[in-house]
Amino acid sequence: MGDNRDEVADLEARARAGEWLKTGPVAVLLGLGRTKVHMLVKQGVIGHRKIPGAPQKPQRECNPKDVLRLLEERRREFHGESEDPS
């Protein structure tokens, strides 16, 4: 597998610009599997909207605010960053 830092940076920039992303790119951005992202969508952790005209499989776009919130949480968790500096 190649280095995906550029792809992750691009996806983060798109989310920060307010773009709703499909679940596949969200999985890449968050470093999760697609199944986990689908589970978070079903649980309501990530808000979504259905993509019109997707007849066979329901395709969804994820709310960028929720995606960025989860990204920040994961960064704090994995990098030991705390909101409280004391």
C-alpha atoms as a PDB file:
ATOM      1  CA  MET A   1       0.000   0.000   0.000  1.00  0.00           C
ATOM      2  CA  GLY A   2       1.372   3.416  -0.910  1.00  0.00           C
ATOM      3  CA  ASP A   3       1.628   6.588   1.077  1.00  0.00           C
ATOM      4  CA  ASN A   4      -1.818   8.173   1.278  1.00  0.00           C
ATOM      5  CA  ARG A   5      -0.921  11.380   3.158  1.00  0.00           C
ATOM      6  CA  ASP A   6      -1.699  13.522   0.115  1.00  0.00           C
ATOM      7  CA  GLU A   7      -5.072  11.823  -0.335  1.00  0.00           C
ATOM      8  CA  VAL A   8      -5.898  12.273   3.354  1.00  0.00           C
ATOM      9  CA  ALA A   9      -4.849  15.948   3.228  1.00  0.00           C
ATOM     10  CA  ASP A  10      -7.043  16.482   0.150  1.00  0.00           C
ATOM     11  CA  LEU A  11     -10.041  14.768   1.771  1.00  0.00           C
ATOM     12  CA  GLU A  12      -9.601  16.805   4.949  1.00  0.00           C
ATOM     13  CA  ALA A  13      -9.440  20.042   2.932  1.00  0.00           C
ATOM     14  CA  ARG A  14     -12.615  19.061   1.085  1.00  0.00           C
ATOM     15  CA  ALA A  15     -14.424  18.314   4.350  1.00  0.00           C
ATOM     16  CA  ARG A  16     -13.221  21.608   5.855  1.00  0.00           C
ATOM     17  CA  ALA A  17     -14.624  23.369   2.780  1.00  0.00           C
ATOM     18  CA  GLY A  18     -18.015  21.852   3.647  1.00  0.00           C
ATOM     19  CA  GLU A  19     -18.092  19.083   1.039  1.00  0.00           C
ATOM     20  CA  TRP A  20     -20.181  16.028   1.913  1.00  0.00           C
ATOM     21  CA  LEU A  21     -18.051  12.920   1.289  1.00  0.00           C
ATOM     22  CA  LYS A  22     -19.113   9.392   0.409  1.00  0.00           C
ATOM     23  CA  THR A  23     -18.423   6.677   2.953  1.00  0.00           C
ATOM     24  CA  GLY A  24     -15.363   5.297   1.115  1.00  0.00           C
ATOM     25  CA  PRO A  25     -13.399   8.554   1.248  1.00  0.00           C
ATOM     26  CA  VAL A  26     -14.534   9.067   4.865  1.00  0.00           C
ATOM     27  CA  ALA A  27     -13.050   5.666   5.717  1.00  0.00           C
ATOM     28  CA  VAL A  28      -9.738   6.718   4.145  1.00  0.00           C
ATOM     29  CA  LEU A  29      -9.744  10.050   5.961  1.00  0.00           C
ATOM     30  CA  LEU A  30     -10.504   8.512   9.344  1.00  0.00           C
ATOM     31  CA  GLY A  31      -8.265   5.479   8.845  1.00  0.00           C
ATOM     32  CA  LEU A  32     -11.187   3.102   9.324  1.00  0.00           C
ATOM     33  CA  GLY A  33     -12.705   0.314   7.281  1.00  0.00           C
ATOM     34  CA  ARG A  34     -15.815   1.007   5.232  1.00  0.00           C
ATOM     35  CA  THR A  35     -17.838  -1.361   7.409  1.00  0.00           C
ATOM     36  CA  LYS A  36     -17.002   0.714  10.495  1.00  0.00           C
ATOM     37  CA  VAL A  37     -18.030   3.926   8.721  1.00  0.00           C
ATOM     38  CA  HIS A  38     -21.323   2.335   7.644  1.00  0.00           C
ATOM     39  CA  MET A  39     -21.900   1.279  11.250  1.00  0.00           C
ATOM     40  CA  LEU A  40     -21.241   4.842  12.494  1.00  0.00           C
ATOM     41  CA  VAL A  41     -23.711   6.156   9.909  1.00  0.00           C
ATOM     42  CA  LYS A  42     -26.369   3.621  10.967  1.00  0.00           C
ATOM     43  CA  GLN A  43     -25.825   4.516  14.639  1.00  0.00           C
ATOM     44  CA  GLY A  44     -26.244   8.223  13.880  1.00  0.00           C
ATOM     45  CA  VAL A  45     -22.695   9.120  14.920  1.00  0.00           C
ATOM     46  CA  ILE A  46     -22.107  10.465  11.421  1.00  0.00           C
ATOM     47  CA  GLY A  47     -24.993  12.367   9.918  1.00  0.00           C
ATOM     48  CA  HIS A  48     -25.709  11.565   6.300  1.00  0.00           C
ATOM     49  CA  ARG A  49     -27.910  12.167   3.331  1.00  0.00           C
ATOM     50  CA  LYS A  50     -28.831   9.726   0.600  1.00  0.00           C
ATOM     51  CA  ILE A  51     -27.483  10.342  -2.868  1.00  0.00           C
ATOM     52  CA  PRO A  52     -30.322  10.695  -5.357  1.00  0.00           C
ATOM     53  CA  GLY A  53     -30.341   8.339  -8.313  1.00  0.00           C
ATOM     54  CA  ALA A  54     -28.514   5.463  -6.628  1.00  0.00           C
ATOM     55  CA  PRO A  55     -31.005   2.689  -7.403  1.00  0.00           C
ATOM     56  CA  GLN A  56     -29.254  -0.532  -6.385  1.00  0.00           C
ATOM     57  CA  LYS A  57     -27.318   0.150  -3.215  1.00  0.00           C
ATOM     58  CA  PRO A  58     -28.211   3.102  -1.032  1.00  0.00           C
ATOM     59  CA  GLN A  59     -25.286   5.470  -1.313  1.00  0.00           C
ATOM     60  CA  ARG A  60     -24.762   8.088   1.323  1.00  0.00           C
ATOM     61  CA  GLU A  61     -22.778  11.245   1.767  1.00  0.00           C
ATOM     62  CA  CYS A  62     -21.482  12.047   5.229  1.00  0.00           C
ATOM     63  CA  ASN A  63     -21.907  15.342   7.047  1.00  0.00           C
ATOM     64  CA  PRO A  64     -18.487  17.051   6.984  1.00  0.00           C
ATOM     65  CA  LYS A  65     -18.960  18.509  10.487  1.00  0.00           C
ATOM     66  CA  ASP A  66     -19.390  15.030  11.954  1.00  0.00           C
ATOM     67  CA  VAL A  67     -16.462  13.668   9.946  1.00  0.00           C
ATOM     68  CA  LEU A  68     -14.162  16.474  11.124  1.00  0.00           C
ATOM     69  CA  ARG A  69     -15.298  16.007  14.730  1.00  0.00           C
ATOM     70  CA  LEU A  70     -14.392  12.316  14.549  1.00  0.00           C
ATOM     71  CA  LEU A  71     -11.089  13.128  12.848  1.00  0.00           C
ATOM     72  CA  GLU A  72     -10.151  15.504  15.680  1.00  0.00           C
ATOM     73  CA  GLU A  73     -11.197  12.921  18.292  1.00  0.00           C
ATOM     74  CA  ARG A  74      -9.059  10.261  16.620  1.00  0.00           C
ATOM     75  CA  ARG A  75      -6.080  12.617  16.450  1.00  0.00           C
ATOM     76  CA  ARG A  76      -6.377  13.420  20.160  1.00  0.00           C
ATOM     77  CA  GLU A  77      -6.744   9.720  20.981  1.00  0.00           C
ATOM     78  CA  PHE A  78      -3.813   8.512  18.888  1.00  0.00           C
ATOM     79  CA  HIS A  79      -1.463  11.423  19.499  1.00  0.00           C
ATOM     80  CA  GLY A  80      -2.242  11.861  23.177  1.00  0.00           C
ATOM     81  CA  GLU A  81      -3.430  15.396  22.617  1.00  0.00           C
ATOM     82  CA  SER A  82      -5.714  16.759  25.273  1.00  0.00           C
ATOM     83  CA  GLU A  83      -8.161  19.616  25.164  1.00  0.00           C
ATOM     84  CA  ASP A  84      -7.158  20.488  28.725  1.00  0.00           C
ATOM     85  CA  PRO A  85      -3.464  21.465  28.824  1.00  0.00           C
ATOM     86  CA  SER A  86      -3.262  21.237  32.648  1.00  0.00           C
END
